[in-house]
């Protein structure tokens, strides 16, 4: 039996998310990932943006970010983060100088 709650419908419980925990970048890739999460208004996407920052060149990341931010709000179907993810995986240039961290599978 639950105590301390009203007899009304059970409220949805809130689980911690990435945005509940402060993130302090220590590397250039982490700073870039944090910038992406902030500019795309997608704090939950931080782990993806960190992976992107490690695998793709900064110039291609910034070029795609500019394209995404130029899209009018009414043209965004899901989210700017989703559009960025779709574009970077299709048109991003892999960083081959990142100490072999880039995925070389074909």
N, C-alpha and C. Protein backbone atom coordinates (compact mmCIF):
# COMPACT_ATOMS: atom_id res chain seq x y z
N UNK A 1 0.83 -1.17 0.00
CA UNK A 1 0.00 0.00 0.00
C UNK A 1 0.88 1.24 0.00
N UNK A 2 0.50 2.23 -0.80
CA UNK A 2 1.29 3.46 -0.88
C UNK A 2 0.79 4.45 0.15
N UNK A 3 1.72 5.15 0.75
CA UNK A 3 1.33 6.15 1.74
C UNK A 3 1.81 7.51 1.27
N UNK A 4 1.15 8.55 1.75
CA UNK A 4 1.60 9.89 1.44
C UNK A 4 1.16 10.38 0.07
N UNK A 5 0.28 9.65 -0.60
CA UNK A 5 -0.21 10.08 -1.92
C UNK A 5 -1.72 10.21 -1.87
N UNK A 6 -2.23 11.05 -2.75
CA UNK A 6 -3.67 11.22 -2.80
C UNK A 6 -4.32 9.98 -3.39
N UNK A 7 -5.61 9.87 -3.23
CA UNK A 7 -6.34 8.70 -3.71
C UNK A 7 -6.62 8.77 -5.20
N UNK A 8 -6.21 9.83 -5.87
CA UNK A 8 -6.45 10.02 -7.30
C UNK A 8 -5.58 9.11 -8.14
N UNK A 9 -5.58 9.31 -9.47
CA UNK A 9 -4.76 8.49 -10.36
C UNK A 9 -3.28 8.55 -9.98
N UNK A 10 -2.61 7.47 -10.20
CA UNK A 10 -1.19 7.40 -9.87
C UNK A 10 -0.41 8.26 -10.86
N UNK A 11 0.37 9.18 -10.34
CA UNK A 11 1.19 10.07 -11.19
C UNK A 11 2.36 9.28 -11.76
N UNK A 12 2.72 9.63 -12.96
CA UNK A 12 3.87 8.96 -13.59
C UNK A 12 5.12 9.30 -12.80
N UNK A 13 5.91 8.29 -12.54
CA UNK A 13 7.15 8.52 -11.81
C UNK A 13 8.18 9.08 -12.76
N UNK A 14 9.00 9.99 -12.25
CA UNK A 14 10.04 10.62 -13.06
C UNK A 14 11.35 9.92 -12.79
N UNK A 15 12.00 9.48 -13.87
CA UNK A 15 13.29 8.83 -13.75
C UNK A 15 14.38 9.81 -14.14
N UNK A 16 15.56 9.71 -13.55
CA UNK A 16 16.64 10.64 -13.88
C UNK A 16 17.03 10.53 -15.35
N UNK A 17 17.38 11.65 -15.93
CA UNK A 17 17.83 11.68 -17.33
C UNK A 17 19.21 12.31 -17.39
N UNK A 18 19.80 12.29 -18.59
CA UNK A 18 21.12 12.90 -18.77
C UNK A 18 21.09 14.38 -18.40
N UNK A 19 19.97 15.07 -18.67
CA UNK A 19 19.90 16.50 -18.39
C UNK A 19 19.85 16.78 -16.89
N UNK A 20 19.61 15.76 -16.06
CA UNK A 20 19.59 15.94 -14.61
C UNK A 20 21.00 15.99 -14.02
N UNK A 21 21.98 15.60 -14.78
CA UNK A 21 23.35 15.54 -14.29
C UNK A 21 24.22 16.55 -15.03
N UNK A 22 24.90 17.42 -14.29
CA UNK A 22 25.76 18.39 -14.98
C UNK A 22 26.90 17.69 -15.71
N UNK A 23 27.27 18.25 -16.84
CA UNK A 23 28.35 17.68 -17.65
C UNK A 23 29.44 18.73 -17.77
N UNK A 24 30.65 18.36 -17.41
CA UNK A 24 31.79 19.26 -17.49
C UNK A 24 32.80 18.68 -18.47
N UNK A 25 32.86 19.25 -19.67
CA UNK A 25 33.76 18.69 -20.69
C UNK A 25 35.24 18.86 -20.31
N UNK A 26 36.02 17.84 -20.67
CA UNK A 26 37.46 17.86 -20.40
C UNK A 26 38.28 17.83 -21.67
N UNK A 27 37.67 17.45 -22.79
CA UNK A 27 38.39 17.37 -24.05
C UNK A 27 37.68 18.23 -25.09
N UNK A 28 38.35 18.46 -26.21
CA UNK A 28 37.75 19.22 -27.29
C UNK A 28 36.51 18.51 -27.83
N UNK A 29 36.57 17.20 -27.95
CA UNK A 29 35.42 16.43 -28.43
C UNK A 29 34.24 16.57 -27.49
N UNK A 30 34.49 16.53 -26.18
CA UNK A 30 33.42 16.68 -25.21
C UNK A 30 32.81 18.08 -25.28
N UNK A 31 33.64 19.09 -25.48
CA UNK A 31 33.13 20.46 -25.62
C UNK A 31 32.26 20.59 -26.86
N UNK A 32 32.69 19.99 -27.96
CA UNK A 32 31.93 20.02 -29.20
C UNK A 32 30.60 19.29 -29.02
N UNK A 33 30.62 18.14 -28.37
CA UNK A 33 29.39 17.38 -28.11
C UNK A 33 28.42 18.19 -27.26
N UNK A 34 28.94 18.86 -26.25
CA UNK A 34 28.09 19.69 -25.39
C UNK A 34 27.50 20.85 -26.20
N UNK A 35 28.30 21.46 -27.06
CA UNK A 35 27.80 22.54 -27.91
C UNK A 35 26.66 22.04 -28.81
N UNK A 36 26.83 20.86 -29.40
CA UNK A 36 25.77 20.29 -30.24
C UNK A 36 24.49 20.09 -29.44
N UNK A 37 24.61 19.49 -28.26
CA UNK A 37 23.43 19.23 -27.43
C UNK A 37 22.72 20.54 -27.08
N UNK A 38 23.49 21.57 -26.77
CA UNK A 38 22.89 22.85 -26.40
C UNK A 38 22.25 23.54 -27.60
N UNK A 39 22.96 23.62 -28.72
CA UNK A 39 22.45 24.35 -29.88
C UNK A 39 21.28 23.64 -30.55
N UNK A 40 21.24 22.31 -30.40
CA UNK A 40 20.12 21.55 -30.97
C UNK A 40 19.00 21.34 -29.95
N UNK A 41 19.18 21.91 -28.75
CA UNK A 41 18.19 21.78 -27.67
C UNK A 41 17.86 20.30 -27.41
N UNK A 42 18.93 19.51 -27.28
CA UNK A 42 18.78 18.06 -27.14
C UNK A 42 19.77 17.50 -26.11
N UNK A 43 19.58 17.81 -24.82
CA UNK A 43 20.53 17.31 -23.83
C UNK A 43 20.56 15.79 -23.75
N UNK A 44 19.46 15.13 -24.09
CA UNK A 44 19.42 13.67 -24.05
C UNK A 44 20.31 13.06 -25.13
N UNK A 45 20.64 13.83 -26.16
CA UNK A 45 21.46 13.34 -27.26
C UNK A 45 22.95 13.44 -27.01
N UNK A 46 23.35 13.92 -25.83
CA UNK A 46 24.76 14.12 -25.53
C UNK A 46 25.63 12.88 -25.82
N UNK A 47 25.23 11.67 -25.42
CA UNK A 47 26.08 10.51 -25.74
C UNK A 47 26.27 10.31 -27.25
N UNK A 48 25.22 10.53 -28.04
CA UNK A 48 25.35 10.43 -29.49
C UNK A 48 26.29 11.51 -30.01
N UNK A 49 26.15 12.75 -29.53
CA UNK A 49 26.99 13.84 -30.02
C UNK A 49 28.45 13.63 -29.64
N UNK A 50 28.70 12.99 -28.52
CA UNK A 50 30.08 12.67 -28.14
C UNK A 50 30.66 11.66 -29.13
N UNK A 51 29.89 10.67 -29.49
CA UNK A 51 30.33 9.69 -30.47
C UNK A 51 30.59 10.36 -31.81
N UNK A 52 29.68 11.24 -32.22
CA UNK A 52 29.83 11.98 -33.48
C UNK A 52 31.10 12.81 -33.45
N UNK A 53 31.35 13.51 -32.34
CA UNK A 53 32.52 14.38 -32.23
C UNK A 53 33.82 13.60 -32.33
N UNK A 54 33.78 12.34 -31.95
CA UNK A 54 34.98 11.49 -32.03
C UNK A 54 35.15 10.86 -33.40
N UNK A 55 34.06 10.69 -34.16
CA UNK A 55 34.13 9.96 -35.42
C UNK A 55 34.17 10.82 -36.67
N UNK A 56 33.68 12.06 -36.58
CA UNK A 56 33.57 12.91 -37.76
C UNK A 56 34.44 14.15 -37.61
N UNK A 57 34.85 14.73 -38.74
CA UNK A 57 35.67 15.93 -38.69
C UNK A 57 34.84 17.09 -38.15
N UNK A 58 35.50 17.96 -37.44
CA UNK A 58 34.80 19.11 -36.87
C UNK A 58 34.20 19.98 -37.97
N UNK A 59 34.92 20.12 -39.09
CA UNK A 59 34.39 20.96 -40.17
C UNK A 59 33.09 20.38 -40.74
N UNK A 60 33.00 19.06 -40.90
CA UNK A 60 31.76 18.50 -41.43
C UNK A 60 30.65 18.58 -40.39
N UNK A 61 30.98 18.43 -39.11
CA UNK A 61 29.99 18.56 -38.04
C UNK A 61 29.41 19.98 -38.05
N UNK A 62 30.29 20.97 -38.13
CA UNK A 62 29.83 22.36 -38.10
C UNK A 62 29.05 22.72 -39.36
N UNK A 63 29.45 22.18 -40.49
CA UNK A 63 28.74 22.45 -41.74
C UNK A 63 27.31 21.89 -41.65
N UNK A 64 27.17 20.67 -41.16
CA UNK A 64 25.84 20.06 -41.03
C UNK A 64 25.02 20.77 -39.96
N UNK A 65 25.66 21.17 -38.86
CA UNK A 65 24.96 21.92 -37.83
C UNK A 65 24.38 23.21 -38.40
N UNK A 66 25.17 23.93 -39.21
CA UNK A 66 24.68 25.16 -39.83
C UNK A 66 23.45 24.88 -40.70
N UNK A 67 23.54 23.80 -41.49
CA UNK A 67 22.40 23.44 -42.36
C UNK A 67 21.15 23.16 -41.53
N UNK A 68 21.31 22.42 -40.44
CA UNK A 68 20.18 22.06 -39.59
C UNK A 68 19.56 23.29 -38.94
N UNK A 69 20.40 24.21 -38.47
CA UNK A 69 19.90 25.40 -37.79
C UNK A 69 19.22 26.37 -38.75
N UNK A 70 19.53 26.26 -40.05
CA UNK A 70 18.91 27.13 -41.06
C UNK A 70 17.51 26.65 -41.46
N UNK A 71 17.17 25.43 -41.14
CA UNK A 71 15.85 24.88 -41.51
C UNK A 71 14.78 25.57 -40.66
N UNK A 72 13.74 26.12 -41.31
CA UNK A 72 12.65 26.75 -40.54
C UNK A 72 11.94 25.72 -39.64
N UNK A 73 11.47 26.18 -38.50
CA UNK A 73 10.80 25.30 -37.53
C UNK A 73 9.69 24.46 -38.16
N UNK A 74 8.91 25.06 -39.04
CA UNK A 74 7.78 24.33 -39.62
C UNK A 74 8.22 23.19 -40.55
N UNK A 75 9.48 23.17 -40.95
CA UNK A 75 9.98 22.09 -41.80
C UNK A 75 10.59 20.94 -41.01
N UNK A 76 10.73 21.10 -39.70
CA UNK A 76 11.30 20.06 -38.84
C UNK A 76 10.21 19.05 -38.53
N UNK A 77 10.41 17.79 -38.93
CA UNK A 77 9.39 16.75 -38.70
C UNK A 77 9.46 16.17 -37.29
N UNK A 78 10.64 15.77 -36.87
CA UNK A 78 10.79 15.15 -35.55
C UNK A 78 11.49 16.11 -34.60
N UNK A 79 12.76 16.38 -34.86
CA UNK A 79 13.53 17.33 -34.05
C UNK A 79 14.78 17.71 -34.83
N UNK A 80 15.40 18.80 -34.43
CA UNK A 80 16.66 19.21 -35.08
C UNK A 80 17.75 18.17 -34.80
N UNK A 81 17.72 17.60 -33.60
CA UNK A 81 18.69 16.56 -33.26
C UNK A 81 18.56 15.35 -34.17
N UNK A 82 17.32 14.95 -34.46
CA UNK A 82 17.10 13.82 -35.37
C UNK A 82 17.57 14.14 -36.78
N UNK A 83 17.30 15.36 -37.23
CA UNK A 83 17.76 15.76 -38.56
C UNK A 83 19.28 15.79 -38.62
N UNK A 84 19.92 16.34 -37.58
CA UNK A 84 21.37 16.37 -37.53
C UNK A 84 21.93 14.95 -37.60
N UNK A 85 21.37 14.05 -36.81
CA UNK A 85 21.83 12.65 -36.79
C UNK A 85 21.72 12.02 -38.18
N UNK A 86 20.60 12.23 -38.83
CA UNK A 86 20.37 11.66 -40.16
C UNK A 86 21.39 12.21 -41.15
N UNK A 87 21.61 13.53 -41.13
CA UNK A 87 22.54 14.15 -42.08
C UNK A 87 23.99 13.77 -41.82
N UNK A 88 24.40 13.74 -40.55
CA UNK A 88 25.81 13.45 -40.25
C UNK A 88 26.17 12.03 -40.66
N UNK A 89 25.24 11.09 -40.50
CA UNK A 89 25.54 9.71 -40.87
C UNK A 89 25.51 9.49 -42.37
N UNK A 90 24.86 10.36 -43.10
CA UNK A 90 24.80 10.22 -44.56
C UNK A 90 25.80 11.10 -45.29
N UNK A 91 26.14 12.26 -44.72
CA UNK A 91 26.98 13.20 -45.44
C UNK A 91 28.22 13.65 -44.66
N UNK A 92 28.36 13.21 -43.42
CA UNK A 92 29.51 13.62 -42.62
C UNK A 92 30.79 12.97 -43.11
N UNK A 93 31.89 13.68 -42.94
CA UNK A 93 33.21 13.16 -43.33
C UNK A 93 33.86 12.56 -42.09
N UNK A 94 34.22 11.29 -42.19
CA UNK A 94 34.87 10.60 -41.06
C UNK A 94 36.24 11.18 -40.79
N UNK A 95 36.58 11.26 -39.52
CA UNK A 95 37.88 11.74 -39.09
C UNK A 95 38.84 10.56 -39.04
N UNK A 96 39.72 10.50 -40.00
CA UNK A 96 40.68 9.38 -40.06
C UNK A 96 41.94 9.67 -39.27
N UNK A 97 42.07 10.85 -38.69
CA UNK A 97 43.26 11.20 -37.93
C UNK A 97 43.06 11.07 -36.43
N UNK A 98 41.92 10.54 -36.02
CA UNK A 98 41.57 10.48 -34.61
C UNK A 98 42.10 9.20 -33.96
N UNK A 99 43.36 8.91 -34.15
CA UNK A 99 44.04 7.76 -33.52
C UNK A 99 43.30 6.45 -33.72
N UNK A 100 42.73 6.26 -34.89
CA UNK A 100 42.06 5.01 -35.19
C UNK A 100 40.73 4.85 -34.51
N UNK A 101 40.22 5.91 -33.89
CA UNK A 101 38.94 5.80 -33.17
C UNK A 101 37.76 5.74 -34.13
N UNK A 102 37.96 6.17 -35.37
CA UNK A 102 36.87 6.14 -36.32
C UNK A 102 36.54 4.71 -36.70
N UNK A 103 35.28 4.46 -36.92
CA UNK A 103 34.81 3.13 -37.31
C UNK A 103 35.20 2.91 -38.77
N UNK A 104 35.96 1.88 -39.03
CA UNK A 104 36.44 1.63 -40.40
C UNK A 104 35.65 0.54 -41.10
N UNK A 105 34.56 0.08 -40.49
CA UNK A 105 33.73 -0.93 -41.15
C UNK A 105 33.06 -0.34 -42.36
N UNK A 106 32.77 -1.16 -43.33
CA UNK A 106 32.09 -0.68 -44.55
C UNK A 106 30.71 -1.26 -44.64
